[in-house]
N, C-alpha and C. Protein backbone atom coordinates (compact mmCIF):
# COMPACT_ATOMS: atom_id res chain seq x y z
N MET A 1 -14.64 18.03 23.80
CA MET A 1 -14.66 16.49 23.35
C MET A 1 -13.58 15.56 24.77
N SER A 2 -14.43 14.97 25.13
CA SER A 2 -13.71 14.51 26.28
C SER A 2 -12.83 12.65 25.71
N ALA A 3 -11.79 12.74 26.21
CA ALA A 3 -11.05 11.63 25.70
C ALA A 3 -11.49 10.31 26.95
N ARG A 4 -11.68 8.81 26.60
CA ARG A 4 -11.85 7.91 27.60
C ARG A 4 -10.59 7.22 27.06
N TRP A 5 -9.97 6.60 28.14
CA TRP A 5 -8.97 5.68 28.08
C TRP A 5 -9.02 4.54 28.99
N PRO A 6 -8.91 3.29 28.65
CA PRO A 6 -8.60 2.72 27.27
C PRO A 6 -10.01 2.75 26.58
N VAL A 7 -9.79 2.39 24.97
CA VAL A 7 -10.45 2.64 24.38
C VAL A 7 -11.58 1.12 24.29
N ARG A 8 -12.48 0.89 24.41
CA ARG A 8 -12.99 -0.80 24.47
C ARG A 8 -13.21 -0.93 23.12
N ARG A 9 -12.55 -2.22 22.72
CA ARG A 9 -12.65 -2.72 21.12
C ARG A 9 -12.81 -4.04 21.79
N PRO A 10 -14.55 -4.50 21.63
CA PRO A 10 -15.01 -5.71 21.88
C PRO A 10 -14.64 -7.03 20.90
N THR A 11 -14.58 -6.81 19.70
CA THR A 11 -13.86 -7.29 18.52
C THR A 11 -12.50 -8.16 18.72
N GLU A 12 -11.59 -6.66 19.12
CA GLU A 12 -10.30 -6.97 19.58
C GLU A 12 -10.23 -8.50 20.47
N HIS A 13 -10.86 -8.32 21.52
CA HIS A 13 -10.75 -9.06 22.76
C HIS A 13 -11.58 -10.59 21.95
N ALA A 14 -12.01 -10.52 21.62
CA ALA A 14 -12.91 -11.58 21.11
C ALA A 14 -11.84 -12.39 20.03
N ALA A 15 -11.41 -11.41 19.43
CA ALA A 15 -10.49 -12.20 18.76
C ALA A 15 -9.00 -13.07 19.27
N ILE A 16 -8.53 -11.92 20.14
CA ILE A 16 -7.53 -12.83 20.58
C ILE A 16 -8.19 -14.17 21.77
N ARG A 17 -9.37 -14.25 22.29
CA ARG A 17 -10.07 -15.47 22.99
C ARG A 17 -9.66 -16.31 21.68
N ALA A 18 -10.41 -16.31 20.67
CA ALA A 18 -10.19 -17.16 19.83
C ALA A 18 -9.16 -17.78 19.50
N VAL A 19 -8.03 -17.24 19.15
CA VAL A 19 -6.55 -17.49 19.38
C VAL A 19 -6.15 -18.52 19.90
N CYS A 20 -5.83 -17.42 21.62
CA CYS A 20 -6.05 -18.04 22.78
C CYS A 20 -6.41 -20.12 22.71
N ARG A 21 -7.62 -20.05 22.46
CA ARG A 21 -8.35 -21.69 22.41
C ARG A 21 -7.92 -22.63 21.15
N SER A 22 -7.53 -21.43 20.15
CA SER A 22 -7.36 -22.19 18.73
C SER A 22 -5.47 -22.86 18.82
N ALA A 23 -5.54 -24.44 18.75
CA ALA A 23 -4.19 -24.96 18.58
C ALA A 23 -3.88 -24.98 17.37
N ARG A 24 -2.46 -24.07 17.64
CA ARG A 24 -1.53 -23.84 16.65
C ARG A 24 -0.37 -24.74 16.20
N PRO A 25 -0.16 -25.30 15.15
CA PRO A 25 1.28 -26.19 15.18
C PRO A 25 2.26 -25.52 15.66
N THR A 26 3.32 -25.83 16.12
CA THR A 26 4.64 -25.00 15.89
C THR A 26 5.68 -25.50 14.97
N PRO A 27 6.14 -24.12 14.39
CA PRO A 27 6.91 -24.36 13.34
C PRO A 27 8.46 -25.34 13.66
N SER A 28 8.95 -25.82 13.00
CA SER A 28 10.37 -26.23 13.52
C SER A 28 11.34 -25.16 13.46
N VAL A 29 12.34 -25.71 14.63
CA VAL A 29 13.45 -24.79 14.78
C VAL A 29 14.39 -24.13 13.73
N PRO A 30 14.68 -25.43 12.61
CA PRO A 30 15.14 -24.53 11.38
C PRO A 30 14.44 -23.75 10.61
N ALA A 31 13.62 -23.85 10.25
CA ALA A 31 12.65 -23.14 9.70
C ALA A 31 12.51 -21.57 10.74
N LEU A 32 12.12 -21.58 12.09
CA LEU A 32 12.50 -20.44 12.94
C LEU A 32 13.70 -20.13 12.82
N MET A 33 14.95 -20.53 12.82
CA MET A 33 16.20 -19.70 12.90
C MET A 33 16.21 -19.53 11.44
N ALA A 34 15.64 -19.87 10.27
CA ALA A 34 15.67 -19.17 8.63
C ALA A 34 15.33 -17.88 8.84
N ALA A 35 14.02 -17.98 9.78
CA ALA A 35 13.44 -16.32 9.34
C ALA A 35 13.99 -15.90 10.47
N LEU A 36 14.62 -16.01 11.80
CA LEU A 36 15.59 -15.02 12.50
C LEU A 36 16.81 -14.70 11.62
N ILE A 37 17.54 -15.25 10.68
CA ILE A 37 18.31 -15.14 9.94
C ILE A 37 18.19 -14.12 9.17
N GLU A 38 16.70 -14.09 8.53
CA GLU A 38 16.43 -13.75 7.33
C GLU A 38 16.35 -12.02 8.24
N ALA A 39 15.00 -12.20 9.07
CA ALA A 39 14.88 -10.76 9.90
C ALA A 39 16.19 -9.88 10.15
N ASN A 40 17.51 -10.71 10.29
CA ASN A 40 18.44 -10.14 10.82
C ASN A 40 19.16 -9.46 9.48
N GLU A 41 19.63 -9.95 8.55
CA GLU A 41 20.03 -9.25 7.27
C GLU A 41 18.95 -8.28 6.97
N ARG A 42 17.49 -8.36 7.04
CA ARG A 42 17.20 -7.07 6.39
C ARG A 42 17.02 -5.91 8.08
N ARG A 43 17.61 -6.17 8.57
CA ARG A 43 17.73 -5.09 9.80
C ARG A 43 16.29 -5.23 10.31
N ASP A 44 15.18 -5.61 10.23
CA ASP A 44 14.24 -6.18 11.33
C ASP A 44 13.94 -6.50 12.95
N ARG A 45 14.19 -5.22 13.37
CA ARG A 45 14.37 -5.35 14.96
C ARG A 45 13.26 -6.29 15.21
N GLU A 46 12.06 -5.74 15.29
CA GLU A 46 11.20 -6.43 15.63
C GLU A 46 10.54 -7.90 15.10
N GLY A 47 11.09 -8.26 14.07
CA GLY A 47 11.35 -9.23 13.38
C GLY A 47 12.33 -10.24 13.89
N VAL A 48 13.56 -10.02 14.34
CA VAL A 48 14.50 -10.72 14.98
C VAL A 48 13.53 -11.00 16.37
N CYS A 49 13.25 -9.92 17.02
CA CYS A 49 13.05 -10.38 18.58
C CYS A 49 11.56 -11.88 18.91
N LEU A 50 11.14 -11.28 17.38
CA LEU A 50 9.70 -11.97 17.35
C LEU A 50 10.17 -13.62 17.24
N ALA A 51 11.19 -13.51 16.19
CA ALA A 51 11.55 -15.10 15.77
C ALA A 51 12.08 -15.50 16.87
N ALA A 52 13.23 -14.79 17.41
CA ALA A 52 13.93 -15.41 19.01
C ALA A 52 13.27 -15.87 19.89
N HIS A 53 12.18 -15.41 19.97
CA HIS A 53 11.23 -16.05 21.23
C HIS A 53 10.41 -17.52 20.62
N ARG A 54 10.24 -16.86 19.45
CA ARG A 54 9.45 -18.61 18.75
C ARG A 54 10.44 -19.58 18.64
N VAL A 55 11.62 -19.24 18.50
CA VAL A 55 12.87 -20.45 18.54
C VAL A 55 12.99 -20.60 19.93
N VAL A 56 13.20 -20.22 21.00
CA VAL A 56 12.90 -20.40 22.49
C VAL A 56 11.94 -21.44 22.47
N ARG A 57 10.79 -20.68 22.45
CA ARG A 57 9.84 -21.62 22.46
C ARG A 57 9.69 -23.19 21.96
N ALA A 58 10.12 -23.26 20.73
CA ALA A 58 9.92 -24.10 19.78
C ALA A 58 10.99 -25.33 20.46
N ALA A 59 12.09 -24.52 20.78
CA ALA A 59 13.05 -25.50 21.54
C ALA A 59 12.72 -26.24 22.70
N GLU A 60 12.12 -25.23 23.90
CA GLU A 60 11.18 -25.91 24.61
C GLU A 60 10.49 -26.78 24.86
N GLU A 61 9.45 -26.78 23.75
CA GLU A 61 8.67 -27.64 23.54
C GLU A 61 9.37 -29.18 22.77
N GLN A 62 10.46 -29.30 22.37
CA GLN A 62 10.79 -30.27 21.75
C GLN A 62 11.41 -31.12 23.20
N GLN A 63 12.08 -30.16 24.22
CA GLN A 63 12.74 -31.18 25.36
C GLN A 63 12.04 -31.95 26.07
């Protein structure tokens, strides 16, 4: 058996392209901060990182 890397996943690439084309509403900063606090309370490190990045992006768009 020979391993080939990376494994091509055309449906994954199509899904990523579709998401990039679609406009998504930005949640409000207070809602994102609440998600950040909840993720921190649950000790969800990945959730904290994602929420923190979304807060920064949402704050940049408001300025």
